[in-house]
């Protein structure tokens, strides 16, 4: 039988061990010390949670450090993964039933399939009860964060009214005004031809890069799914045909640097730095990209500007949400971290560091939002982004979003590269989506 030491004896052992560790630079865990002192292990054992994300590394590390200081009983490990890789990790974990991190950053483009798969915690229900947190979100992001059952499955982190970041020095050199350039898609294309001829520069990085940010606003009714109408596929709508016509014209005239590709690839970064790319059409995070990727040395600071999209299209390109898979064994600790992550000061600091627009509307009254941007020549860019949010129509996420997006992008490549007819190609894409929907 194990000999039982009296409480004072246990305390002495604990003190001796603690002094030994300090003198020898050895670390004693909370759990080990609890055993030595005769305390229940759960009273002082650390909870370890994992956070798989594609967010800026320096910023995430700072948030984690501050959180762990405020919550010494919880340790957070950041698992860095690329945009596509993060979503694939979650897809695989849900498919095999194991291996998910406690928290994932998930794009609203991908959230629909996860939210309706049954693999994520319902954040509308206890113990999370997101509606009781007092956070006021952009309605268009809340709509995208919901499943078919109307419950919220992702906490909106940032929001993405579609904007155009562009080089103002190229506009000045061409002797035109940006308002005339963005009046319509026709005027935008006409400027692109002038730009190519006189300055040897491209309008945009990739022709198909317009699909993801713009298809939402060109092919949906408020509060309805993006790619379906009345429950049926809607890939051959007049709006998508119009978008494809614009993309085809840009590509055929050589006004886009390439057919396809990620806008933050090294190829495009090099062209931006050389002054051979005019603009990018995406979300407010593009401002952060200039500082972090396109012009980290600040050599071209002040040459950039931000404006609306040609044709005055006001849509939400989506954003990032934070989700907790049901596989998490530490959901309560994960929720504590998300609550900290969504605190007012932390959210504002994210905007300053990462250049993203918070999805929390109730932080827009902070002085930071009226700070002129040195990158954008003194424009009050954050206030401008925030001013676009009230006009963003909410759209619903659905399980078909990811599949439909892939089908539409493949159809675009057939139209551009193989010169297939727009009407018949989109009609075939619609039939393919219908078959895939039946298999879901």
Protein backbone atom coordinates (compact mmCIF):
# COMPACT_ATOMS: atom_id res chain seq x y z
CA UNK A 1 0.00 0.00 0.00
CA UNK A 2 1.26 3.48 -0.91
CA UNK A 3 2.34 5.49 2.08
CA UNK A 4 0.23 8.64 2.63
CA UNK A 5 2.14 11.79 3.51
CA UNK A 6 0.53 14.38 5.78
CA UNK A 7 -0.53 17.68 4.08
CA UNK A 8 2.35 19.69 5.58
CA UNK A 9 4.83 17.08 4.28
CA UNK A 10 3.34 17.34 0.75
CA UNK A 11 3.60 21.10 0.87
CA UNK A 12 7.28 20.85 1.82
CA UNK A 13 7.95 18.45 -1.05
CA UNK A 14 6.23 20.85 -3.46
CA UNK A 15 8.30 23.80 -2.24
CA UNK A 16 11.53 21.81 -2.50
CA UNK A 17 10.67 20.69 -6.05
CA UNK A 18 9.75 24.23 -7.08
CA UNK A 19 13.09 25.58 -5.78
CA UNK A 20 14.93 22.74 -7.52
CA UNK A 21 13.31 23.59 -10.86
CA UNK A 22 14.13 27.27 -10.50
CA UNK A 23 17.78 26.57 -9.74
CA UNK A 24 18.20 24.04 -12.56
CA UNK A 25 16.09 25.85 -15.17
CA UNK A 26 13.72 22.90 -15.30
CA UNK A 27 10.04 23.54 -15.91
CA UNK A 28 7.42 22.05 -13.61
CA UNK A 29 3.92 21.85 -15.05
CA UNK A 30 0.81 22.92 -13.23
CA UNK A 31 -0.41 19.33 -13.25
CA UNK A 32 2.82 18.00 -11.70
CA UNK A 33 2.79 20.64 -8.99
CA UNK A 34 -0.86 19.86 -8.27
CA UNK A 35 0.04 16.21 -7.69
CA UNK A 36 2.94 17.18 -5.42
CA UNK A 37 0.69 19.43 -3.37
CA UNK A 38 -2.08 16.86 -3.14
CA UNK A 39 -4.56 18.95 -5.19
CA UNK A 40 -7.00 17.69 -7.81
CA UNK A 41 -5.22 17.73 -11.17
CA UNK A 42 -8.11 19.49 -12.90
CA UNK A 43 -7.74 22.48 -10.60
CA UNK A 44 -4.47 23.62 -12.11
CA UNK A 45 -3.85 21.54 -15.25
CA UNK A 46 -3.45 23.55 -18.47
CA UNK A 47 -5.98 23.15 -21.27
CA UNK A 48 -4.36 23.13 -24.69
CA UNK A 49 -6.33 24.21 -27.75
CA UNK A 50 -5.33 24.36 -31.41
CA UNK A 51 -6.22 27.10 -33.87
CA UNK A 52 -5.84 26.29 -37.59
CA UNK A 53 -5.78 29.56 -39.49
CA UNK A 54 -4.59 31.49 -42.54
CA UNK A 55 -4.52 34.86 -40.74
CA UNK A 56 -1.38 37.09 -40.45
CA UNK A 57 1.20 35.23 -38.40
CA UNK A 58 2.65 38.14 -36.40
CA UNK A 59 -0.78 39.37 -35.39
CA UNK A 60 -2.07 35.93 -34.37
CA UNK A 61 1.03 35.28 -32.25
CA UNK A 62 0.49 38.57 -30.43
CA UNK A 63 -3.18 37.79 -29.74
CA UNK A 64 -2.27 34.34 -28.45
CA UNK A 65 0.44 35.74 -26.17
CA UNK A 66 -1.93 38.34 -24.72
CA UNK A 67 -4.70 35.77 -24.30
CA UNK A 68 -2.43 33.31 -22.49
CA UNK A 69 -1.31 36.09 -20.15
CA UNK A 70 -4.95 36.80 -19.31
CA UNK A 71 -5.84 33.08 -19.20
CA UNK A 72 -2.79 31.22 -17.84
CA UNK A 73 -4.81 28.01 -17.60
CA UNK A 74 -5.28 27.82 -21.41
CA UNK A 75 -2.51 27.33 -23.97
CA UNK A 76 -3.16 28.06 -27.66
CA UNK A 77 -1.19 26.54 -30.52
CA UNK A 78 -1.48 28.30 -33.87
CA UNK A 79 -1.45 25.88 -36.80
CA UNK A 80 -0.58 27.92 -39.88
CA UNK A 81 -2.06 26.76 -43.16
CA UNK A 82 -2.71 28.37 -46.52
CA UNK A 83 -6.20 29.43 -47.52
CA UNK A 84 -6.94 26.26 -49.50
CA UNK A 85 -5.05 23.99 -47.08
CA UNK A 86 -7.00 25.17 -44.02
CA UNK A 87 -10.30 24.31 -45.67
CA UNK A 88 -8.97 20.98 -46.90
CA UNK A 89 -7.81 20.10 -43.37
CA UNK A 90 -11.32 20.70 -42.03
CA UNK A 91 -12.93 18.82 -44.93
CA UNK A 92 -10.71 15.79 -44.30
CA UNK A 93 -11.21 15.85 -40.52
CA UNK A 94 -15.01 15.97 -40.87
CA UNK A 95 -14.93 13.19 -43.46
CA UNK A 96 -12.87 10.77 -41.35
CA UNK A 97 -14.38 11.83 -38.02
CA UNK A 98 -11.17 12.89 -36.31
CA UNK A 99 -8.19 15.22 -36.48
CA UNK A 100 -9.90 18.61 -36.42
CA UNK A 101 -8.32 21.56 -34.63
CA UNK A 102 -10.39 23.17 -31.87
CA UNK A 103 -10.87 26.34 -33.95
CA UNK A 104 -10.64 26.96 -37.69
CA UNK A 105 -10.66 30.16 -39.73
CA UNK A 106 -13.16 29.51 -42.53
CA UNK A 107 -14.05 31.70 -45.50
CA UNK A 108 -17.71 32.42 -46.14
CA UNK A 109 -17.14 31.00 -49.64
CA UNK A 110 -16.59 27.61 -48.00
CA UNK A 111 -18.72 27.89 -44.85
CA UNK A 112 -22.03 26.77 -46.38
CA UNK A 113 -20.97 23.16 -46.92
CA UNK A 114 -19.45 22.92 -43.43
CA UNK A 115 -22.38 24.62 -41.68
CA UNK A 116 -24.87 22.18 -43.16
CA UNK A 117 -22.75 19.06 -42.75
CA UNK A 118 -23.48 18.63 -39.04
CA UNK A 119 -19.78 18.83 -38.19
CA UNK A 120 -19.69 22.27 -36.56
CA UNK A 121 -20.97 23.48 -33.21
CA UNK A 122 -24.14 25.56 -33.36
CA UNK A 123 -22.99 28.89 -31.92
CA UNK A 124 -26.56 30.13 -31.52
CA UNK A 125 -27.18 27.49 -28.84
CA UNK A 126 -25.82 27.25 -25.27
CA UNK A 127 -23.16 27.25 -24.01
CA UNK A 128 -22.06 29.65 -26.79
CA UNK A 129 -25.22 31.75 -27.27
CA UNK A 130 -23.59 34.19 -29.67
CA UNK A 131 -26.63 36.49 -29.67
CA UNK A 132 -26.07 37.20 -25.96
CA UNK A 133 -22.51 38.49 -26.48
CA UNK A 134 -23.56 42.01 -27.44
CA UNK A 135 -21.63 41.94 -30.71
CA UNK A 136 -23.26 43.87 -33.57
CA UNK A 137 -22.31 42.34 -36.90
CA UNK A 138 -22.60 43.34 -40.54
CA UNK A 139 -25.95 41.70 -41.52
CA UNK A 140 -24.46 40.44 -44.80
CA UNK A 141 -21.82 38.49 -42.84
CA UNK A 142 -24.32 37.08 -40.34
CA UNK A 143 -26.41 35.83 -43.24
CA UNK A 144 -23.38 34.07 -44.71
CA UNK A 145 -22.49 32.59 -41.31
CA UNK A 146 -25.81 30.77 -40.96
CA UNK A 147 -26.79 27.25 -41.92
CA UNK A 148 -30.02 26.22 -43.60
CA UNK A 149 -31.59 25.91 -40.15
CA UNK A 150 -31.09 29.62 -39.46
CA UNK A 151 -28.49 29.04 -36.73
CA UNK A 152 -25.05 30.66 -36.71
CA UNK A 153 -22.06 28.35 -37.20
CA UNK A 154 -19.22 30.86 -37.62
CA UNK A 155 -18.28 34.05 -35.76
CA UNK A 156 -17.74 36.78 -38.39
CA UNK A 157 -14.17 38.08 -38.05
CA UNK A 158 -13.94 40.51 -40.96
CA UNK A 159 -16.17 41.64 -43.82
CA UNK A 160 -15.37 42.39 -47.43
CA UNK A 161 -17.24 45.07 -49.34
CA UNK A 162 -15.75 44.79 -52.83
CA UNK A 163 -13.40 47.67 -53.64
CA UNK A 164 -10.73 48.44 -56.21
CA UNK A 165 -7.18 49.24 -55.10
CA UNK A 166 -5.35 51.01 -57.94
CA UNK A 167 -2.21 52.96 -58.84
CA UNK A 168 -3.10 56.66 -58.94
CA UNK A 169 0.17 57.59 -60.66
CA UNK A 170 -0.91 55.54 -63.70
CA UNK A 171 -4.21 57.41 -63.81
CA UNK A 172 -2.41 60.76 -63.68
CA UNK A 173 0.05 59.71 -66.36
CA UNK A 174 -2.86 58.74 -68.63
CA UNK A 175 -4.40 62.19 -68.11
CA UNK A 176 -7.83 60.89 -67.07
CA UNK A 177 -9.98 60.81 -63.93
CA UNK A 178 -10.75 57.67 -61.94
CA UNK A 179 -14.47 58.57 -61.95
CA UNK A 180 -14.46 58.32 -65.75
CA UNK A 181 -12.55 55.04 -65.68
CA UNK A 182 -15.00 53.32 -63.30
CA UNK A 183 -18.19 54.76 -64.81
CA UNK A 184 -18.91 51.40 -66.46
CA UNK A 185 -17.19 48.21 -67.53
CA UNK A 186 -16.92 49.60 -71.06
CA UNK A 187 -15.04 52.69 -69.81
CA UNK A 188 -12.84 50.47 -67.62
CA UNK A 189 -11.92 48.29 -70.60
CA UNK A 190 -11.28 51.36 -72.78
CA UNK A 191 -8.85 52.69 -70.16
CA UNK A 192 -7.19 49.27 -70.06
CA UNK A 193 -6.47 49.45 -73.78
CA UNK A 194 -4.98 52.92 -73.38
CA UNK A 195 -2.93 51.75 -70.38
CA UNK A 196 -1.55 48.76 -72.25
CA UNK A 197 -0.61 50.82 -75.30
CA UNK A 198 0.94 53.81 -73.51
CA UNK A 199 2.35 52.33 -70.28
CA UNK A 200 2.72 48.63 -71.06
CA UNK A 201 0.73 47.67 -67.97
CA UNK A 202 -2.14 45.26 -67.30
CA UNK A 203 -5.47 46.28 -65.78
CA UNK A 204 -5.83 43.25 -63.49
CA UNK A 205 -3.77 40.21 -62.46
CA UNK A 206 -6.09 37.38 -63.60
CA UNK A 207 -9.26 37.41 -65.69
CA UNK A 208 -11.08 34.80 -63.59
CA UNK A 209 -10.17 36.63 -60.34
CA UNK A 210 -13.31 38.73 -60.92
CA UNK A 211 -15.63 35.76 -60.45
CA UNK A 212 -15.39 35.19 -56.70
CA UNK A 213 -15.84 38.78 -55.51
CA UNK A 214 -18.47 39.81 -58.06
CA UNK A 215 -20.68 36.80 -58.72
CA UNK A 216 -22.41 37.22 -55.35
CA UNK A 217 -23.85 40.60 -56.21
CA UNK A 218 -24.59 39.83 -59.84
CA UNK A 219 -26.48 36.61 -59.26
CA UNK A 220 -28.58 36.67 -56.12
CA UNK A 221 -31.61 38.09 -54.41
CA UNK A 222 -31.26 39.54 -50.90
CA UNK A 223 -31.25 36.76 -48.34
CA UNK A 224 -31.17 34.01 -50.98
CA UNK A 225 -28.40 31.57 -51.96
CA UNK A 226 -25.90 32.78 -54.56
CA UNK A 227 -25.93 29.99 -57.12
CA UNK A 228 -29.53 28.80 -56.97
CA UNK A 229 -32.94 30.36 -57.48
CA UNK A 230 -36.09 28.73 -56.13
CA UNK A 231 -33.97 25.70 -55.31
CA UNK A 232 -32.69 25.26 -58.86
CA UNK A 233 -29.21 25.98 -60.28
CA UNK A 234 -28.82 29.48 -61.66
CA UNK A 235 -25.41 29.45 -63.34
CA UNK A 236 -26.83 30.58 -66.69
CA UNK A 237 -28.54 33.70 -65.38
CA UNK A 238 -28.34 36.96 -67.38
CA UNK A 239 -26.14 38.43 -64.63
CA UNK A 240 -23.53 35.65 -64.85
CA UNK A 241 -23.58 35.85 -68.65
CA UNK A 242 -22.85 39.55 -68.35
CA UNK A 243 -19.95 38.87 -65.97
CA UNK A 244 -18.54 36.23 -68.33
CA UNK A 245 -18.73 38.68 -71.23
CA UNK A 246 -16.66 41.20 -69.26
CA UNK A 247 -14.10 38.56 -68.27
CA UNK A 248 -13.82 37.28 -71.85
CA UNK A 249 -13.27 40.80 -73.21
CA UNK A 250 -10.54 41.48 -70.63
CA UNK A 251 -8.81 38.23 -71.52
CA UNK A 252 -9.18 38.44 -75.29
CA UNK A 253 -7.77 41.97 -75.35
CA UNK A 254 -4.83 40.95 -73.14
CA UNK A 255 -5.80 43.37 -70.38
CA UNK A 256 -5.35 40.76 -67.62
CA UNK A 257 -1.87 39.42 -66.88
CA UNK A 258 -3.06 35.82 -67.03
CA UNK A 259 -6.09 33.58 -67.21
CA UNK A 260 -6.18 32.32 -63.66
CA UNK A 261 -4.26 32.37 -60.42
CA UNK A 262 -4.15 33.59 -56.85
CA UNK A 263 -3.83 37.37 -56.74
CA UNK A 264 -1.12 37.10 -54.08
CA UNK A 265 1.16 34.84 -56.12
CA UNK A 266 4.80 35.79 -56.58
CA UNK A 267 4.22 36.37 -60.30
CA UNK A 268 1.70 39.13 -59.62
CA UNK A 269 3.64 40.60 -56.70
CA UNK A 270 6.60 41.07 -59.06
CA UNK A 271 4.39 42.82 -61.66
CA UNK A 272 2.90 45.13 -59.03
CA UNK A 273 6.37 46.08 -57.82
CA UNK A 274 7.48 46.78 -61.39
CA UNK A 275 4.52 49.08 -61.98
CA UNK A 276 3.05 46.70 -64.56
CA UNK A 277 -0.26 46.01 -62.79
CA UNK A 278 -2.86 48.71 -62.35
CA UNK A 279 -5.42 47.38 -59.91
CA UNK A 280 -6.93 44.55 -57.92
CA UNK A 281 -10.65 44.08 -57.29
CA UNK A 282 -11.26 42.36 -53.96
CA UNK A 283 -11.88 43.30 -50.32
CA UNK A 284 -10.39 45.83 -47.84
CA UNK A 285 -7.66 43.32 -46.98
CA UNK A 286 -5.94 44.44 -50.19
CA UNK A 287 -4.69 47.51 -48.32
CA UNK A 288 -2.90 45.27 -45.84
CA UNK A 289 -1.48 43.24 -48.73
CA UNK A 290 0.21 46.34 -50.16
CA UNK A 291 2.11 46.89 -46.93
CA UNK A 292 2.86 43.23 -46.27
CA UNK A 293 3.50 41.85 -49.77
CA UNK A 294 3.36 44.30 -52.67
CA UNK A 295 5.39 47.15 -51.18
CA UNK A 296 6.89 46.08 -47.82
CA UNK A 297 9.71 48.65 -48.14
CA UNK A 298 7.27 51.53 -48.65
CA UNK A 299 8.90 52.56 -51.92
CA UNK A 300 5.52 53.19 -53.53
CA UNK A 301 3.59 54.35 -50.47
CA UNK A 302 1.20 57.12 -51.39
CA UNK A 303 0.88 56.05 -55.03
CA UNK A 304 -2.06 53.74 -54.32
CA UNK A 305 -5.71 54.74 -53.96
CA UNK A 306 -9.02 52.97 -53.33
CA UNK A 307 -12.34 53.41 -55.11
CA UNK A 308 -15.49 51.55 -56.02
CA UNK A 309 -15.92 48.81 -58.60
CA UNK A 310 -16.72 49.69 -62.24
CA UNK A 311 -20.46 50.10 -62.70
CA UNK A 312 -20.89 51.04 -59.01
CA UNK A 313 -21.48 47.42 -57.98
CA UNK A 314 -21.86 47.17 -54.19
CA UNK A 315 -21.46 43.61 -53.01
CA UNK A 316 -19.79 41.66 -50.23
CA UNK A 317 -16.89 39.46 -51.32
CA UNK A 318 -17.30 37.61 -48.04
CA UNK A 319 -14.85 37.33 -45.21
CA UNK A 320 -13.45 35.05 -42.55
CA UNK A 321 -15.39 33.34 -39.77
CA UNK A 322 -14.19 31.40 -36.73
CA UNK A 323 -15.75 27.96 -36.23
CA UNK A 324 -15.53 25.26 -33.56
CA UNK A 325 -15.84 21.68 -34.92
CA UNK A 326 -17.88 19.21 -32.88
CA UNK A 327 -14.74 17.08 -32.71
CA UNK A 328 -13.18 19.63 -30.35
CA UNK A 329 -12.69 18.21 -26.86
CA UNK A 330 -12.05 21.72 -25.55
CA UNK A 331 -14.97 23.65 -27.00
CA UNK A 332 -15.42 25.74 -23.86
CA UNK A 333 -11.79 26.90 -23.88
CA UNK A 334 -12.02 27.47 -27.65
CA UNK A 335 -15.03 29.71 -27.10
CA UNK A 336 -13.13 31.65 -24.43
CA UNK A 337 -10.38 32.31 -26.95
CA UNK A 338 -12.89 33.46 -29.60
CA UNK A 339 -14.56 35.74 -27.05
CA UNK A 340 -11.16 37.30 -26.36
CA UNK A 341 -10.40 37.49 -30.07
CA UNK A 342 -13.63 39.44 -30.62
CA UNK A 343 -13.04 42.04 -27.88
CA UNK A 344 -13.30 45.62 -29.10
CA UNK A 345 -9.61 46.53 -28.62
CA UNK A 346 -8.42 43.26 -30.15
CA UNK A 347 -10.70 43.70 -33.18
CA UNK A 348 -9.49 47.26 -33.75
CA UNK A 349 -5.88 46.15 -33.39
CA UNK A 350 -6.53 43.53 -36.09
CA UNK A 351 -7.74 46.26 -38.43
CA UNK A 352 -4.56 48.25 -37.78
CA UNK A 353 -2.24 45.29 -38.21
CA UNK A 354 -3.85 43.22 -40.95
CA UNK A 355 -5.67 45.98 -42.84
CA UNK A 356 -8.98 44.13 -42.58
CA UNK A 357 -12.41 45.64 -41.99
CA UNK A 358 -13.98 44.21 -38.82
CA UNK A 359 -17.36 42.54 -39.17
CA UNK A 360 -18.32 44.13 -35.83
CA UNK A 361 -20.22 47.32 -36.69
CA UNK A 362 -20.07 48.63 -33.12
CA UNK A 363 -16.32 49.33 -33.37
CA UNK A 364 -16.64 51.70 -36.34
CA UNK A 365 -16.89 54.72 -34.01
CA UNK A 366 -13.26 54.24 -32.90
CA UNK A 367 -10.91 57.14 -33.80
CA UNK A 368 -8.79 54.75 -35.84
CA UNK A 369 -11.42 54.66 -38.58
CA UNK A 370 -10.79 58.35 -39.28
CA UNK A 371 -7.02 57.96 -39.53
CA UNK A 372 -5.65 58.84 -42.98
CA UNK A 373 -3.82 56.02 -44.74
CA UNK A 374 -0.24 56.83 -45.73
CA UNK A 375 -0.30 53.88 -48.12
CA UNK A 376 -3.31 55.34 -49.93
CA UNK A 377 -2.10 58.92 -50.14
CA UNK A 378 -3.99 60.17 -47.09
CA UNK A 379 -7.36 58.67 -47.99
CA UNK A 380 -9.57 57.82 -45.00
CA UNK A 381 -9.82 54.28 -46.31
CA UNK A 382 -11.25 52.55 -43.25
CA UNK A 383 -14.05 55.09 -43.02
CA UNK A 384 -14.68 54.55 -46.74
CA UNK A 385 -14.88 50.76 -46.34
CA UNK A 386 -17.22 51.14 -43.38
CA UNK A 387 -19.47 53.48 -45.39
CA UNK A 388 -20.06 50.69 -47.94
CA UNK A 389 -21.33 48.15 -45.41
CA UNK A 390 -24.94 49.45 -45.06
CA UNK A 391 -25.46 48.94 -48.81
CA UNK A 392 -24.32 45.30 -48.82
CA UNK A 393 -27.24 42.98 -49.43
CA UNK A 394 -27.21 39.80 -47.35
CA UNK A 395 -27.04 36.50 -49.20
CA UNK A 396 -27.43 33.02 -47.75
CA UNK A 397 -24.72 30.37 -47.72
CA UNK A 398 -25.62 26.91 -48.97
CA UNK A 399 -24.03 23.45 -49.32
CA UNK A 400 -23.76 24.02 -53.09
CA UNK A 401 -21.57 27.15 -52.86
CA UNK A 402 -18.19 25.46 -53.06
CA UNK A 403 -19.23 23.02 -55.80
CA UNK A 404 -20.95 25.71 -57.86
CA UNK A 405 -17.95 28.01 -57.55
CA UNK A 406 -15.62 25.31 -58.89
CA UNK A 407 -17.98 24.50 -61.78
CA UNK A 408 -18.32 28.17 -62.72
CA UNK A 409 -14.55 28.72 -62.69
CA UNK A 410 -14.03 25.69 -64.93
CA UNK A 411 -16.73 26.97 -67.30
CA UNK A 412 -14.92 30.32 -67.47
CA UNK A 413 -11.70 28.61 -68.55
CA UNK A 414 -13.54 26.76 -71.33
CA UNK A 415 -15.03 30.03 -72.54
CA UNK A 416 -11.73 31.91 -72.45
CA UNK A 417 -9.19 29.29 -73.54
CA UNK A 418 -11.25 26.96 -75.73
CA UNK A 419 -13.39 29.80 -77.11
CA UNK A 420 -16.59 27.96 -76.29
CA UNK A 421 -19.91 29.78 -76.55
CA UNK A 422 -20.94 31.55 -73.36
CA UNK A 423 -24.62 30.56 -73.46
CA UNK A 424 -24.12 26.85 -74.15
CA UNK A 425 -21.16 26.52 -71.75
CA UNK A 426 -23.10 28.05 -68.86
CA UNK A 427 -26.10 25.91 -69.76
CA UNK A 428 -23.90 22.79 -69.50
CA UNK A 429 -22.44 24.08 -66.22
CA UNK A 430 -25.97 24.48 -64.90
CA UNK A 431 -26.84 20.87 -65.78
CA UNK A 432 -23.65 19.64 -64.10
CA UNK A 433 -24.49 21.54 -60.92
CA UNK A 434 -28.00 20.07 -60.99
CA UNK A 435 -26.55 16.53 -61.14
CA UNK A 436 -24.10 17.27 -58.33
CA UNK A 437 -26.90 18.72 -56.19
CA UNK A 438 -28.93 15.53 -56.59
CA UNK A 439 -25.95 13.54 -55.32
CA UNK A 440 -25.55 15.69 -52.18
